[in-house]
Amino acid sequence: MNSKPLIQLRREIDAIDRAIIQLWAKRVDIARAIGMRKRVAMLPLKDEQRERRVVARAVLLGGNLRLPLSKVRALMNIIIATSRRAQKQ
């Protein structure tokens, strides 16, 4: 059992949450840049094959980390949907 005080554990969770949101924002910024390049190259914005690979890779990693796979899938679908919307901007 972890012997750290509750407040310290909560601070660690807060820091992790900040990092998650910052990384998600960075992903969205990159998705916007990808969207611009796809428009210039006249490529479709949606790449279902790529999206399936991204989700599969996340599910594999989540399984290795003993995370609930349905939640990993759901989270990645939200992240991908957000990125897809950003590509349209």
N, C-alpha and C. Protein backbone atom coordinates (compact mmCIF):
# COMPACT_ATOMS: atom_id res chain seq x y z
N MET A 1 0.84 -1.19 0.00
CA MET A 1 0.00 0.00 0.00
C MET A 1 0.88 1.25 0.00
N ASN A 2 0.44 2.26 -0.71
CA ASN A 2 1.19 3.50 -0.81
C ASN A 2 1.10 4.27 0.51
N SER A 3 2.24 4.70 1.03
CA SER A 3 2.26 5.37 2.33
C SER A 3 2.25 6.90 2.20
N LYS A 4 2.10 7.42 0.99
CA LYS A 4 2.07 8.87 0.81
C LYS A 4 0.78 9.44 1.38
N PRO A 5 0.83 10.66 1.89
CA PRO A 5 -0.39 11.30 2.40
C PRO A 5 -1.40 11.52 1.27
N LEU A 6 -2.66 11.52 1.62
CA LEU A 6 -3.74 11.70 0.64
C LEU A 6 -3.54 12.97 -0.19
N ILE A 7 -3.20 14.04 0.43
CA ILE A 7 -3.04 15.31 -0.30
C ILE A 7 -1.93 15.20 -1.36
N GLN A 8 -0.87 14.51 -1.04
CA GLN A 8 0.22 14.34 -2.01
C GLN A 8 -0.24 13.48 -3.19
N LEU A 9 -0.97 12.43 -2.89
CA LEU A 9 -1.50 11.57 -3.96
C LEU A 9 -2.43 12.36 -4.87
N ARG A 10 -3.26 13.20 -4.28
CA ARG A 10 -4.18 14.02 -5.08
C ARG A 10 -3.42 15.03 -5.93
N ARG A 11 -2.36 15.58 -5.41
CA ARG A 11 -1.52 16.50 -6.21
C ARG A 11 -0.90 15.78 -7.41
N GLU A 12 -0.49 14.55 -7.18
CA GLU A 12 0.07 13.75 -8.28
C GLU A 12 -0.99 13.50 -9.35
N ILE A 13 -2.21 13.19 -8.92
CA ILE A 13 -3.32 13.00 -9.87
C ILE A 13 -3.58 14.29 -10.63
N ASP A 14 -3.58 15.43 -9.93
CA ASP A 14 -3.80 16.72 -10.59
C ASP A 14 -2.74 16.99 -11.65
N ALA A 15 -1.49 16.68 -11.34
CA ALA A 15 -0.40 16.88 -12.30
C ALA A 15 -0.57 15.97 -13.51
N ILE A 16 -0.97 14.76 -13.28
CA ILE A 16 -1.21 13.82 -14.39
C ILE A 16 -2.36 14.33 -15.26
N ASP A 17 -3.43 14.80 -14.63
CA ASP A 17 -4.57 15.33 -15.38
C ASP A 17 -4.15 16.51 -16.26
N ARG A 18 -3.33 17.41 -15.71
CA ARG A 18 -2.83 18.55 -16.50
C ARG A 18 -2.03 18.05 -17.70
N ALA A 19 -1.17 17.07 -17.46
CA ALA A 19 -0.34 16.53 -18.55
C ALA A 19 -1.21 15.89 -19.63
N ILE A 20 -2.24 15.17 -19.22
CA ILE A 20 -3.14 14.54 -20.20
C ILE A 20 -3.79 15.60 -21.07
N ILE A 21 -4.32 16.65 -20.46
CA ILE A 21 -5.01 17.70 -21.22
C ILE A 21 -4.02 18.43 -22.12
N GLN A 22 -2.82 18.71 -21.63
CA GLN A 22 -1.81 19.37 -22.46
C GLN A 22 -1.43 18.51 -23.65
N LEU A 23 -1.27 17.22 -23.45
CA LEU A 23 -0.94 16.32 -24.55
C LEU A 23 -2.09 16.23 -25.55
N TRP A 24 -3.31 16.22 -25.04
CA TRP A 24 -4.48 16.18 -25.93
C TRP A 24 -4.53 17.44 -26.79
N ALA A 25 -4.27 18.60 -26.17
CA ALA A 25 -4.25 19.86 -26.92
C ALA A 25 -3.15 19.84 -27.98
N LYS A 26 -2.00 19.30 -27.65
CA LYS A 26 -0.91 19.19 -28.63
C LYS A 26 -1.33 18.29 -29.78
N ARG A 27 -2.02 17.19 -29.47
CA ARG A 27 -2.50 16.27 -30.51
C ARG A 27 -3.47 16.99 -31.44
N VAL A 28 -4.36 17.80 -30.87
CA VAL A 28 -5.33 18.55 -31.67
C VAL A 28 -4.61 19.55 -32.58
N ASP A 29 -3.59 20.22 -32.08
CA ASP A 29 -2.81 21.15 -32.91
C ASP A 29 -2.16 20.41 -34.08
N ILE A 30 -1.61 19.25 -33.82
CA ILE A 30 -0.99 18.46 -34.88
C ILE A 30 -2.05 18.00 -35.88
N ALA A 31 -3.22 17.61 -35.37
CA ALA A 31 -4.31 17.19 -36.26
C ALA A 31 -4.73 18.33 -37.19
N ARG A 32 -4.75 19.57 -36.68
CA ARG A 32 -5.06 20.72 -37.55
C ARG A 32 -4.04 20.83 -38.68
N ALA A 33 -2.77 20.68 -38.34
CA ALA A 33 -1.71 20.75 -39.36
C ALA A 33 -1.86 19.62 -40.37
N ILE A 34 -2.21 18.44 -39.90
CA ILE A 34 -2.43 17.31 -40.81
C ILE A 34 -3.60 17.62 -41.73
N GLY A 35 -4.66 18.18 -41.18
CA GLY A 35 -5.82 18.54 -41.98
C GLY A 35 -5.47 19.51 -43.10
N MET A 36 -4.65 20.50 -42.78
CA MET A 36 -4.21 21.46 -43.81
C MET A 36 -3.44 20.75 -44.92
N ARG A 37 -2.55 19.86 -44.54
CA ARG A 37 -1.76 19.13 -45.54
C ARG A 37 -2.63 18.20 -46.38
N LYS A 38 -3.63 17.59 -45.76
CA LYS A 38 -4.54 16.73 -46.50
C LYS A 38 -5.35 17.54 -47.52
N ARG A 39 -5.79 18.74 -47.11
CA ARG A 39 -6.54 19.59 -48.05
C ARG A 39 -5.67 20.00 -49.23
N VAL A 40 -4.44 20.38 -48.97
CA VAL A 40 -3.51 20.76 -50.04
C VAL A 40 -3.28 19.58 -50.98
N ALA A 41 -3.14 18.39 -50.43
CA ALA A 41 -2.88 17.20 -51.23
C ALA A 41 -4.17 16.58 -51.78
N MET A 42 -5.32 17.21 -51.45
CA MET A 42 -6.63 16.74 -51.88
C MET A 42 -6.89 15.29 -51.43
N LEU A 43 -6.50 15.02 -50.20
CA LEU A 43 -6.74 13.70 -49.59
C LEU A 43 -7.97 13.78 -48.71
N PRO A 44 -8.68 12.67 -48.53
CA PRO A 44 -9.83 12.69 -47.63
C PRO A 44 -9.38 12.94 -46.19
N LEU A 45 -10.19 13.68 -45.45
CA LEU A 45 -9.83 13.97 -44.07
C LEU A 45 -9.93 12.73 -43.19
N LYS A 46 -10.91 11.89 -43.47
CA LYS A 46 -11.11 10.68 -42.64
C LYS A 46 -10.33 9.52 -43.24
N ASP A 47 -9.53 8.88 -42.38
CA ASP A 47 -8.75 7.70 -42.78
C ASP A 47 -9.11 6.58 -41.81
N GLU A 48 -10.15 5.84 -42.15
CA GLU A 48 -10.66 4.81 -41.24
C GLU A 48 -9.62 3.74 -40.92
N GLN A 49 -8.81 3.38 -41.90
CA GLN A 49 -7.78 2.36 -41.67
C GLN A 49 -6.78 2.85 -40.62
N ARG A 50 -6.35 4.09 -40.74
CA ARG A 50 -5.42 4.69 -39.77
C ARG A 50 -6.08 4.74 -38.39
N GLU A 51 -7.33 5.17 -38.34
CA GLU A 51 -8.03 5.27 -37.06
C GLU A 51 -8.13 3.90 -36.38
N ARG A 52 -8.42 2.86 -37.16
CA ARG A 52 -8.49 1.50 -36.58
C ARG A 52 -7.13 1.08 -36.02
N ARG A 53 -6.05 1.43 -36.74
CA ARG A 53 -4.71 1.07 -36.24
C ARG A 53 -4.38 1.82 -34.95
N VAL A 54 -4.76 3.08 -34.88
CA VAL A 54 -4.50 3.88 -33.68
C VAL A 54 -5.24 3.28 -32.48
N VAL A 55 -6.51 2.93 -32.68
CA VAL A 55 -7.29 2.35 -31.59
C VAL A 55 -6.71 0.99 -31.20
N ALA A 56 -6.37 0.17 -32.18
CA ALA A 56 -5.81 -1.15 -31.88
C ALA A 56 -4.51 -1.04 -31.09
N ARG A 57 -3.66 -0.09 -31.48
CA ARG A 57 -2.39 0.11 -30.76
C ARG A 57 -2.66 0.53 -29.32
N ALA A 58 -3.63 1.42 -29.12
CA ALA A 58 -3.97 1.88 -27.77
C ALA A 58 -4.56 0.74 -26.94
N VAL A 59 -5.39 -0.08 -27.56
CA VAL A 59 -5.99 -1.21 -26.84
C VAL A 59 -4.91 -2.20 -26.42
N LEU A 60 -3.96 -2.45 -27.29
CA LEU A 60 -2.85 -3.35 -26.95
C LEU A 60 -2.07 -2.79 -25.76
N LEU A 61 -1.73 -1.51 -25.84
CA LEU A 61 -1.00 -0.88 -24.73
C LEU A 61 -1.84 -0.91 -23.45
N GLY A 62 -3.11 -0.56 -23.58
CA GLY A 62 -3.99 -0.59 -22.41
C GLY A 62 -4.08 -1.96 -21.79
N GLY A 63 -4.14 -2.99 -22.63
CA GLY A 63 -4.17 -4.36 -22.11
C GLY A 63 -2.91 -4.70 -21.35
N ASN A 64 -1.78 -4.27 -21.91
CA ASN A 64 -0.50 -4.51 -21.22
C ASN A 64 -0.43 -3.80 -19.88
N LEU A 65 -1.15 -2.70 -19.76
CA LEU A 65 -1.16 -1.91 -18.52
C LEU A 65 -2.35 -2.25 -17.63
N ARG A 66 -3.08 -3.30 -18.02
CA ARG A 66 -4.24 -3.79 -17.25
C ARG A 66 -5.34 -2.75 -17.11
N LEU A 67 -5.57 -1.99 -18.16
CA LEU A 67 -6.67 -1.04 -18.17
C LEU A 67 -7.90 -1.70 -18.78
N PRO A 68 -9.10 -1.22 -18.43
CA PRO A 68 -10.30 -1.80 -19.03
C PRO A 68 -10.36 -1.44 -20.53
N LEU A 69 -10.34 -2.46 -21.38
CA LEU A 69 -10.21 -2.24 -22.82
C LEU A 69 -11.37 -1.47 -23.41
N SER A 70 -12.57 -1.67 -22.90
CA SER A 70 -13.72 -0.91 -23.43
C SER A 70 -13.54 0.58 -23.16
N LYS A 71 -12.94 0.92 -22.04
CA LYS A 71 -12.71 2.34 -21.70
C LYS A 71 -11.59 2.91 -22.55
N VAL A 72 -10.56 2.11 -22.82
CA VAL A 72 -9.47 2.56 -23.69
C VAL A 72 -10.04 2.85 -25.08
N ARG A 73 -10.86 1.92 -25.58
CA ARG A 73 -11.48 2.11 -26.90
C ARG A 73 -12.34 3.38 -26.92
N ALA A 74 -13.16 3.55 -25.89
CA ALA A 74 -14.04 4.73 -25.82
C ALA A 74 -13.23 6.02 -25.77
N LEU A 75 -12.19 6.05 -24.96
CA LEU A 75 -11.34 7.23 -24.86
C LEU A 75 -10.69 7.55 -26.20
N MET A 76 -10.15 6.54 -26.85
CA MET A 76 -9.49 6.78 -28.14
C MET A 76 -10.48 7.24 -29.19
N ASN A 77 -11.71 6.74 -29.14
CA ASN A 77 -12.72 7.20 -30.09
C ASN A 77 -13.06 8.67 -29.87
N ILE A 78 -13.09 9.11 -28.63
CA ILE A 78 -13.31 10.53 -28.33
C ILE A 78 -12.13 11.36 -28.83
N ILE A 79 -10.92 10.90 -28.55
CA ILE A 79 -9.72 11.63 -28.98
C ILE A 79 -9.68 11.72 -30.51
N ILE A 80 -9.98 10.63 -31.19
CA ILE A 80 -9.95 10.62 -32.65
C ILE A 80 -11.03 11.54 -33.21
N ALA A 81 -12.21 11.51 -32.63
CA ALA A 81 -13.30 12.38 -33.10
C ALA A 81 -12.91 13.86 -32.94
N THR A 82 -12.29 14.18 -31.83
CA THR A 82 -11.84 15.56 -31.60
C THR A 82 -10.77 15.95 -32.63
N SER A 83 -9.86 15.03 -32.90
CA SER A 83 -8.81 15.30 -33.89
C SER A 83 -9.40 15.45 -35.29
N ARG A 84 -10.39 14.62 -35.61
CA ARG A 84 -11.02 14.70 -36.92
C ARG A 84 -11.71 16.05 -37.09
N ARG A 85 -12.39 16.52 -36.05
CA ARG A 85 -13.03 17.84 -36.12
C ARG A 85 -11.97 18.93 -36.31
N ALA A 86 -10.85 18.79 -35.62
CA ALA A 86 -9.77 19.78 -35.75
C ALA A 86 -9.21 19.80 -37.17
N GLN A 87 -9.17 18.67 -37.82
CA GLN A 87 -8.65 18.62 -39.18
C GLN A 87 -9.54 19.40 -40.14
N LYS A 88 -10.81 19.57 -39.81
CA LYS A 88 -11.74 20.30 -40.66
C LYS A 88 -11.59 21.80 -40.53
N GLN A 89 -10.86 22.25 -39.53
CA GLN A 89 -10.72 23.70 -39.28
C GLN A 89 -9.70 24.33 -40.19
